[in-house]
PDB file of N, CA and C in Angstrom:
ATOM      1  N   MET A   1      28.527  77.541 -28.629  1.00  0.00           N
ATOM      2  CA  MET A   1      27.451  78.274 -28.826  1.00  0.00           C
ATOM      3  C   MET A   1      26.968  79.979 -29.806  1.00  0.00           C
ATOM      4  N   THR A   2      26.455  79.238 -30.412  1.00  0.00           N
ATOM      5  CA  THR A   2      26.425  80.556 -32.004  1.00  0.00           C
ATOM      6  C   THR A   2      25.536  81.307 -30.839  1.00  0.00           C
ATOM      7  N   GLN A   3      25.084  82.280 -32.013  1.00  0.00           N
ATOM      8  CA  GLN A   3      23.854  82.665 -32.012  1.00  0.00           C
ATOM      9  C   GLN A   3      22.855  83.192 -33.126  1.00  0.00           C
ATOM     10  N   GLN A   4      22.224  82.682 -32.833  1.00  0.00           N
ATOM     11  CA  GLN A   4      21.440  83.197 -34.357  1.00  0.00           C
ATOM     12  C   GLN A   4      19.753  83.514 -34.465  1.00  0.00           C
ATOM     13  N   ASN A   5      19.946  84.579 -35.504  1.00  0.00           N
ATOM     14  CA  ASN A   5      18.724  86.014 -35.773  1.00  0.00           C
ATOM     15  C   ASN A   5      17.677  84.785 -36.472  1.00  0.00           C
ATOM     16  N   PHE A   6      16.623  85.730 -36.225  1.00  0.00           N
ATOM     17  CA  PHE A   6      15.619  84.821 -37.318  1.00  0.00           C
ATOM     18  C   PHE A   6      14.518  86.021 -37.716  1.00  0.00           C
ATOM     19  N   PRO A   7      14.950  86.311 -38.603  1.00  0.00           N
ATOM     20  CA  PRO A   7      14.672  86.968 -39.942  1.00  0.00           C
ATOM     21  C   PRO A   7      13.378  87.311 -40.047  1.00  0.00           C
ATOM     22  N   LEU A   8      12.315  88.076 -40.029  1.00  0.00           N
ATOM     23  CA  LEU A   8      10.882  88.080 -40.061  1.00  0.00           C
ATOM     24  C   LEU A   8      10.733  88.853 -41.581  1.00  0.00           C
ATOM     25  N   CYS A   9       9.586  88.908 -41.738  1.00  0.00           N
ATOM     26  CA  CYS A   9       9.439  88.783 -43.301  1.00  0.00           C
ATOM     27  C   CYS A   9       8.630  90.039 -42.908  1.00  0.00           C
ATOM     28  N   GLU A  10       9.226  91.725 -43.276  1.00  0.00           N
ATOM     29  CA  GLU A  10       8.117  92.881 -42.423  1.00  0.00           C
ATOM     30  C   GLU A  10       6.762  92.609 -43.181  1.00  0.00           C
ATOM     31  N   GLU A  11       6.449  92.216 -44.635  1.00  0.00           N
ATOM     32  CA  GLU A  11       4.929  91.684 -45.223  1.00  0.00           C
ATOM     33  C   GLU A  11       4.728  91.677 -44.120  1.00  0.00           C
ATOM     34  N   ALA A  12       5.330  90.393 -43.196  1.00  0.00           N
ATOM     35  CA  ALA A  12       3.588  89.751 -42.568  1.00  0.00           C
ATOM     36  C   ALA A  12       3.627  90.509 -41.893  1.00  0.00           C
ATOM     37  N   VAL A  13       4.842  91.090 -40.606  1.00  0.00           N
ATOM     38  CA  VAL A  13       5.130  91.487 -39.452  1.00  0.00           C
ATOM     39  C   VAL A  13       4.219  92.738 -39.685  1.00  0.00           C
ATOM     40  N   SER A  14       3.739  93.775 -40.632  1.00  0.00           N
ATOM     41  CA  SER A  14       3.418  94.479 -40.790  1.00  0.00           C
ATOM     42  C   SER A  14       1.315  94.399 -41.214  1.00  0.00           C
ATOM     43  N   ILE A  15       1.517  93.291 -41.994  1.00  0.00           N
ATOM     44  CA  ILE A  15       0.013  92.877 -41.548  1.00  0.00           C
ATOM     45  C   ILE A  15      -0.243  92.477 -39.731  1.00  0.00           C
ATOM     46  N   LEU A  16       0.009  91.760 -39.807  1.00  0.00           N
ATOM     47  CA  LEU A  16      -0.050  91.191 -38.572  1.00  0.00           C
ATOM     48  C   LEU A  16       0.106  92.265 -37.594  1.00  0.00           C
ATOM     49  N   LYS A  17       0.738  93.584 -37.230  1.00  0.00           N
ATOM     50  CA  LYS A  17       0.178  94.588 -36.687  1.00  0.00           C
ATOM     51  C   LYS A  17      -0.647  95.103 -37.096  1.00  0.00           C
ATOM     52  N   LYS A  18      -1.244  95.391 -38.504  1.00  0.00           N
ATOM     53  CA  LYS A  18      -2.298  95.973 -38.472  1.00  0.00           C
ATOM     54  C   LYS A  18      -3.950  95.229 -38.348  1.00  0.00           C
ATOM     55  N   LYS A  19      -3.766  94.305 -38.097  1.00  0.00           N
ATOM     56  CA  LYS A  19      -5.127  93.227 -37.295  1.00  0.00           C
ATOM     57  C   LYS A  19      -4.803  93.490 -35.966  1.00  0.00           C
ATOM     58  N   ASP A  20      -4.152  93.146 -35.677  1.00  0.00           N
ATOM     59  CA  ASP A  20      -4.586  92.890 -34.696  1.00  0.00           C
ATOM     60  C   ASP A  20      -2.851  93.638 -32.831  1.00  0.00           C
ATOM     61  N   LYS A  21      -3.523  95.057 -32.235  1.00  0.00           N
ATOM     62  CA  LYS A  21      -3.351  96.334 -32.134  1.00  0.00           C
ATOM     63  C   LYS A  21      -2.794  95.951 -30.869  1.00  0.00           C
ATOM     64  N   LYS A  22      -3.180  95.232 -30.268  1.00  0.00           N
ATOM     65  CA  LYS A  22      -2.536  94.657 -28.903  1.00  0.00           C
ATOM     66  C   LYS A  22      -0.137  94.017 -29.675  1.00  0.00           C
ATOM     67  N   LEU A  23      -1.595  92.769 -30.582  1.00  0.00           N
ATOM     68  CA  LEU A  23       0.194  92.567 -30.948  1.00  0.00           C
ATOM     69  C   LEU A  23       0.865  93.123 -31.303  1.00  0.00           C
ATOM     70  N   ALA A  24       0.761  93.865 -32.164  1.00  0.00           N
ATOM     71  CA  ALA A  24       1.497  95.057 -32.939  1.00  0.00           C
ATOM     72  C   ALA A  24       2.664  95.889 -31.599  1.00  0.00           C
ATOM     73  N   TRP A  25       1.305  96.479 -30.660  1.00  0.00           N
ATOM     74  CA  TRP A  25       1.741  97.170 -29.242  1.00  0.00           C
ATOM     75  C   TRP A  25       3.140  95.836 -28.405  1.00  0.00           C
ATOM     76  N   LEU A  26       2.674  94.913 -28.294  1.00  0.00           N
ATOM     77  CA  LEU A  26       4.147  94.317 -27.488  1.00  0.00           C
ATOM     78  C   LEU A  26       4.936  94.133 -28.963  1.00  0.00           C
ATOM     79  N   MET A  27       4.516  93.783 -30.263  1.00  0.00           N
ATOM     80  CA  MET A  27       5.707  93.450 -31.431  1.00  0.00           C
ATOM     81  C   MET A  27       7.456  94.635 -30.892  1.00  0.00           C
ATOM     82  N   GLU A  28       6.108  95.388 -30.755  1.00  0.00           N
ATOM     83  CA  GLU A  28       7.551  97.363 -30.383  1.00  0.00           C
ATOM     84  C   GLU A  28       8.280  97.255 -29.513  1.00  0.00           C
ATOM     85  N   ARG A  29       7.585  96.483 -28.258  1.00  0.00           N
ATOM     86  CA  ARG A  29       7.812  96.211 -27.362  1.00  0.00           C
ATOM     87  C   ARG A  29       9.580  95.427 -26.911  1.00  0.00           C
ATOM     88  N   VAL A  30       8.899  94.046 -27.387  1.00  0.00           N
ATOM     89  CA  VAL A  30       9.737  92.921 -27.622  1.00  0.00           C
ATOM     90  C   VAL A  30      11.693  93.253 -28.531  1.00  0.00           C
ATOM     91  N   GLY A  31      10.634  93.710 -30.164  1.00  0.00           N
ATOM     92  CA  GLY A  31      11.967  93.984 -31.651  1.00  0.00           C
ATOM     93  C   GLY A  31      12.080  92.971 -31.493  1.00  0.00           C
ATOM     94  N   PRO A  32      13.384  92.360 -32.055  1.00  0.00           N
ATOM     95  CA  PRO A  32      13.976  91.662 -32.965  1.00  0.00           C
ATOM     96  C   PRO A  32      13.873  90.538 -31.953  1.00  0.00           C
ATOM     97  N   LEU A  33      13.942  89.117 -32.421  1.00  0.00           N
ATOM     98  CA  LEU A  33      14.295  88.001 -31.671  1.00  0.00           C
ATOM     99  C   LEU A  33      14.954  87.332 -31.970  1.00  0.00           C
ATOM    100  N   SER A  34      15.568  86.829 -31.169  1.00  0.00           N
ATOM    101  CA  SER A  34      17.429  85.676 -31.743  1.00  0.00           C
ATOM    102  C   SER A  34      17.326  84.585 -30.533  1.00  0.00           C
ATOM    103  N   HIS A  35      17.679  84.321 -30.924  1.00  0.00           N
ATOM    104  CA  HIS A  35      18.276  82.606 -29.659  1.00  0.00           C
ATOM    105  C   HIS A  35      19.264  82.414 -30.000  1.00  0.00           C
ATOM    106  N   THR A  36      20.502  81.815 -28.711  1.00  0.00           N
ATOM    107  CA  THR A  36      21.144  81.087 -28.562  1.00  0.00           C
ATOM    108  C   THR A  36      20.797  79.768 -28.065  1.00  0.00           C
ATOM    109  N   ASP A  37      22.334  79.133 -29.580  1.00  0.00           N
ATOM    110  CA  ASP A  37      22.089  77.338 -29.153  1.00  0.00           C
ATOM    111  C   ASP A  37      22.992  77.085 -27.777  1.00  0.00           C
ATOM    112  N   LEU A  38      22.511  76.319 -26.711  1.00  0.00           N
ATOM    113  CA  LEU A  38      23.664  75.912 -25.951  1.00  0.00           C
ATOM    114  C   LEU A  38      23.863  74.700 -26.057  1.00  0.00           C
ATOM    115  N   LYS A  39      24.266  74.220 -27.619  1.00  0.00           N
ATOM    116  CA  LYS A  39      24.449  72.777 -27.908  1.00  0.00           C
ATOM    117  C   LYS A  39      24.793  72.383 -28.985  1.00  0.00           C
ATOM    118  N   ASP A  40      25.130  71.736 -29.867  1.00  0.00           N
ATOM    119  CA  ASP A  40      26.177  71.971 -30.793  1.00  0.00           C
ATOM    120  C   ASP A  40      25.228  71.011 -31.469  1.00  0.00           C
ATOM    121  N   ASP A  41      24.766  70.570 -32.783  1.00  0.00           N
ATOM    122  CA  ASP A  41      23.535  70.507 -33.380  1.00  0.00           C
ATOM    123  C   ASP A  41      23.803  69.112 -33.532  1.00  0.00           C
ATOM    124  N   PHE A  42      24.430  68.106 -33.082  1.00  0.00           N
ATOM    125  CA  PHE A  42      24.881  66.547 -33.267  1.00  0.00           C
ATOM    126  C   PHE A  42      24.699  65.986 -31.872  1.00  0.00           C
ATOM    127  N   LEU A  43      24.637  67.381 -31.512  1.00  0.00           N
ATOM    128  CA  LEU A  43      24.749  66.503 -30.111  1.00  0.00           C
ATOM    129  C   LEU A  43      22.532  66.692 -29.030  1.00  0.00           C
ATOM    130  N   PHE A  44      22.547  67.966 -30.320  1.00  0.00           N
ATOM    131  CA  PHE A  44      20.849  68.241 -29.770  1.00  0.00           C
ATOM    132  C   PHE A  44      20.171  67.477 -30.603  1.00  0.00           C
ATOM    133  N   PHE A  45      20.813  66.757 -31.626  1.00  0.00           N
ATOM    134  CA  PHE A  45      20.079  65.582 -31.522  1.00  0.00           C
ATOM    135  C   PHE A  45      20.350  64.360 -31.516  1.00  0.00           C
ATOM    136  N   ILE A  46      21.482  64.263 -31.569  1.00  0.00           N
ATOM    137  CA  ILE A  46      21.971  62.361 -29.819  1.00  0.00           C
ATOM    138  C   ILE A  46      21.003  62.531 -29.103  1.00  0.00           C
ATOM    139  N   GLU A  47      20.687  63.541 -28.295  1.00  0.00           N
ATOM    140  CA  GLU A  47      19.749  63.782 -26.957  1.00  0.00           C
ATOM    141  C   GLU A  47      18.614  63.398 -27.020  1.00  0.00           C
ATOM    142  N   GLN A  48      17.725  63.674 -28.648  1.00  0.00           N
ATOM    143  CA  GLN A  48      17.066  63.592 -28.641  1.00  0.00           C
ATOM    144  C   GLN A  48      16.136  62.510 -29.534  1.00  0.00           C
ATOM    145  N   VAL A  49      17.624  61.080 -30.070  1.00  0.00           N
ATOM    146  CA  VAL A  49      17.241  60.559 -30.762  1.00  0.00           C
ATOM    147  C   VAL A  49      17.031  59.092 -28.879  1.00  0.00           C
ATOM    148  N   ILE A  50      18.380  59.587 -27.881  1.00  0.00           N
ATOM    149  CA  ILE A  50      18.086  58.713 -26.993  1.00  0.00           C
ATOM    150  C   ILE A  50      17.056  59.019 -25.773  1.00  0.00           C
ATOM    151  N   GLY A  51      15.754  60.102 -26.306  1.00  0.00           N
ATOM    152  CA  GLY A  51      14.992  60.456 -25.002  1.00  0.00           C
ATOM    153  C   GLY A  51      14.105  60.300 -25.670  1.00  0.00           C
ATOM    154  N   GLN A  52      13.589  60.202 -27.566  1.00  0.00           N
ATOM    155  CA  GLN A  52      12.643  59.663 -27.817  1.00  0.00           C
ATOM    156  C   GLN A  52      12.741  57.898 -27.823  1.00  0.00           C
ATOM    157  N   MET A  53      13.945  57.293 -27.357  1.00  0.00           N
ATOM    158  CA  MET A  53      14.533  55.867 -27.099  1.00  0.00           C
ATOM    159  C   MET A  53      13.786  55.257 -25.765  1.00  0.00           C
ATOM    160  N   LEU A  54      13.903  56.366 -24.428  1.00  0.00           N
ATOM    161  CA  LEU A  54      13.435  55.748 -23.839  1.00  0.00           C
ATOM    162  C   LEU A  54      11.673  56.052 -23.559  1.00  0.00           C
ATOM    163  N   SER A  55      11.503  57.479 -24.193  1.00  0.00           N
ATOM    164  CA  SER A  55       9.699  57.595 -24.262  1.00  0.00           C
ATOM    165  C   SER A  55       9.331  55.880 -24.554  1.00  0.00           C
ATOM    166  N   ILE A  56       9.818  55.254 -25.854  1.00  0.00           N
ATOM    167  CA  ILE A  56       8.726  54.664 -26.001  1.00  0.00           C
ATOM    168  C   ILE A  56       9.190  53.261 -25.219  1.00  0.00           C
ATOM    169  N   ARG A  57      10.205  53.203 -24.693  1.00  0.00           N
ATOM    170  CA  ARG A  57      10.432  51.810 -23.302  1.00  0.00           C
ATOM    171  C   ARG A  57       9.853  52.544 -22.277  1.00  0.00           C
ATOM    172  N   VAL A  58       9.363  52.918 -22.298  1.00  0.00           N
ATOM    173  CA  VAL A  58       9.014  53.779 -20.854  1.00  0.00           C
ATOM    174  C   VAL A  58       7.777  53.034 -21.121  1.00  0.00           C
ATOM    175  N   ALA A  59       6.832  54.028 -22.486  1.00  0.00           N
ATOM    176  CA  ALA A  59       5.374  53.224 -22.672  1.00  0.00           C
ATOM    177  C   ALA A  59       5.023  51.875 -23.120  1.00  0.00           C
ATOM    178  N   ASP A  60       6.120  51.083 -23.322  1.00  0.00           N
ATOM    179  CA  ASP A  60       5.797  49.543 -23.278  1.00  0.00           C
ATOM    180  C   ASP A  60       6.438  48.405 -21.817  1.00  0.00           C
ATOM    181  N   VAL A  61       6.888  49.486 -21.060  1.00  0.00           N
ATOM    182  CA  VAL A  61       6.840  48.976 -20.148  1.00  0.00           C
ATOM    183  C   VAL A  61       5.326  49.312 -19.049  1.00  0.00           C
ATOM    184  N   MET A  62       4.728  50.474 -19.429  1.00  0.00           N
ATOM    185  CA  MET A  62       3.596  50.859 -18.380  1.00  0.00           C
ATOM    186  C   MET A  62       2.378  49.661 -18.928  1.00  0.00           C
ATOM    187  N   THR A  63       2.226  49.929 -20.691  1.00  0.00           N
ATOM    188  CA  THR A  63       1.318  49.073 -21.196  1.00  0.00           C
ATOM    189  C   THR A  63       1.808  47.379 -20.482  1.00  0.00           C
ATOM    190  N   GLY A  64       2.832  46.937 -20.242  1.00  0.00           N
ATOM    191  CA  GLY A  64       3.150  45.508 -20.610  1.00  0.00           C
ATOM    192  C   GLY A  64       2.248  45.214 -18.891  1.00  0.00           C
ATOM    193  N   ARG A  65       2.134  46.929 -18.079  1.00  0.00           N
ATOM    194  CA  ARG A  65       1.712  47.113 -16.862  1.00  0.00           C
ATOM    195  C   ARG A  65       0.397  46.662 -16.564  1.00  0.00           C
ATOM    196  N   LEU A  66       0.176  48.040 -17.182  1.00  0.00           N
ATOM    197  CA  LEU A  66      -1.012  47.639 -17.542  1.00  0.00           C
ATOM    198  C   LEU A  66      -1.949  46.412 -18.425  1.00  0.00           C
ATOM    199  N   ALA A  67      -1.545  45.408 -19.005  1.00  0.00           N
ATOM    200  CA  ALA A  67      -2.309  44.231 -19.844  1.00  0.00           C
ATOM    201  C   ALA A  67      -2.256  43.391 -17.768  1.00  0.00           C
ATOM    202  N   ALA A  68      -0.541  43.454 -18.126  1.00  0.00           N
ATOM    203  CA  ALA A  68      -0.576  42.541 -16.546  1.00  0.00           C
ATOM    204  C   ALA A  68      -1.960  42.197 -15.769  1.00  0.00           C
ATOM    205  N   LEU A  69      -2.251  43.828 -15.337  1.00  0.00           N
ATOM    206  CA  LEU A  69      -3.372  43.868 -14.390  1.00  0.00           C
ATOM    207  C   LEU A  69      -5.014  43.667 -15.608  1.00  0.00           C
ATOM    208  N   CYS A  70      -5.043  43.708 -16.355  1.00  0.00           N
ATOM    209  CA  CYS A  70      -5.935  43.593 -16.541  1.00  0.00           C
ATOM    210  C   CYS A  70      -5.566  42.092 -17.294  1.00  0.00           C
ATOM    211  N   ARG A  71      -4.772  41.468 -16.914  1.00  0.00           N
ATOM    212  CA  ARG A  71      -4.991  39.807 -17.682  1.00  0.00           C
ATOM    213  C   ARG A  71      -4.863  39.967 -19.332  1.00  0.00           C
ATOM    214  N   GLY A  72      -3.950  40.720 -19.403  1.00  0.00           N
ATOM    215  CA  GLY A  72      -3.624  40.626 -20.996  1.00  0.00           C
ATOM    216  C   GLY A  72      -5.141  41.360 -22.175  1.00  0.00           C
ATOM    217  N   GLU A  73      -5.814  41.455 -21.366  1.00  0.00           N
ATOM    218  CA  GLU A  73      -7.059  42.126 -22.506  1.00  0.00           C
ATOM    219  C   GLU A  73      -6.916  43.743 -22.070  1.00  0.00           C
ATOM    220  N   ILE A  74      -7.219  44.433 -22.714  1.00  0.00           N
ATOM    221  CA  ILE A  74      -6.432  45.816 -22.435  1.00  0.00           C
ATOM    222  C   ILE A  74      -8.251  46.570 -23.243  1.00  0.00           C
ATOM    223  N   THR A  75      -9.180  46.463 -22.159  1.00  0.00           N
ATOM    224  CA  THR A  75     -10.342  46.415 -22.858  1.00  0.00           C
ATOM    225  C   THR A  75     -10.646  47.790 -21.293  1.00  0.00           C
ATOM    226  N   VAL A  76     -11.744  48.594 -22.399  1.00  0.00           N
ATOM    227  CA  VAL A  76     -12.849  49.743 -21.042  1.00  0.00           C
ATOM    228  C   VAL A  76     -12.915  49.145 -19.691  1.00  0.00           C
ATOM    229  N   SER A  77     -14.193  48.048 -20.559  1.00  0.00           N
ATOM    230  CA  SER A  77     -14.412  47.022 -19.005  1.00  0.00           C
ATOM    231  C   SER A  77     -13.302  46.720 -18.371  1.00  0.00           C
ATOM    232  N   THR A  78     -12.027  46.349 -18.323  1.00  0.00           N
ATOM    233  CA  THR A  78     -11.068  45.302 -17.611  1.00  0.00           C
ATOM    234  C   THR A  78     -10.285  46.469 -16.643  1.00  0.00           C
ATOM    235  N   ILE A  79     -10.326  48.046 -17.540  1.00  0.00           N
ATOM    236  CA  ILE A  79      -9.319  48.714 -16.933  1.00  0.00           C
ATOM    237  C   ILE A  79     -10.659  49.026 -15.375  1.00  0.00           C
ATOM    238  N   CYS A  80     -11.935  49.062 -16.292  1.00  0.00           N
ATOM    239  CA  CYS A  80     -12.646  49.549 -15.098  1.00  0.00           C
ATOM    240  C   CYS A  80     -13.219  48.629 -13.329  1.00  0.00           C
ATOM    241  N   CYS A  81     -13.049  46.850 -14.364  1.00  0.00           N
ATOM    242  CA  CYS A  81     -12.463  46.589 -13.206  1.00  0.00           C
ATOM    243  C   CYS A  81     -11.476  46.096 -12.107  1.00  0.00           C
ATOM    244  N   CYS A  82     -10.039  46.658 -13.007  1.00  0.00           N
ATOM    245  CA  CYS A  82      -9.547  46.717 -12.633  1.00  0.00           C
ATOM    246  C   CYS A  82      -9.225  47.784 -11.636  1.00  0.00           C
ATOM    247  N   LEU A  83     -10.297  48.898 -11.445  1.00  0.00           N
ATOM    248  CA  LEU A  83      -9.640  50.508 -11.388  1.00  0.00           C
ATOM    249  C   LEU A  83     -11.192  50.334 -10.057  1.00  0.00           C
ATOM    250  N   SER A  84     -12.374  49.298  -9.385  1.00  0.00           N
ATOM    251  CA  SER A  84     -12.589  49.103  -8.923  1.00  0.00           C
ATOM    252  C   SER A  84     -12.836  47.948  -7.568  1.00  0.00           C
ATOM    253  N   MET A  85     -11.778  47.196  -8.147  1.00  0.00           N
ATOM    254  CA  MET A  85     -10.582  46.407  -7.403  1.00  0.00           C
ATOM    255  C   MET A  85      -9.695  47.061  -6.217  1.00  0.00           C
ATOM    256  N   ASN A  86      -9.713  48.061  -6.570  1.00  0.00           N
ATOM    257  CA  ASN A  86      -8.520  49.092  -6.358  1.00  0.00           C
ATOM    258  C   ASN A  86      -8.442  50.230  -5.212  1.00  0.00           C
TER     259      ASN A  86
END
């Protein structure tokens, strides 16, 4: 685990605080932001790649099922016909 601080540009923070008093109030109460990595960067990358691959596979399966219900032609009218049958 590594702790990272997000350095803020003081000029940008100052502009935000001047433009929005409610945000300024909140920023004062929250204070500086930091983030703790719970995983190393490589593990995070691998998990994201696997998750994306699974999402694409799930999308392919769902599209295939919809195409089967619509007898191979996915259009607004075939989807509406399939919905009205059920």
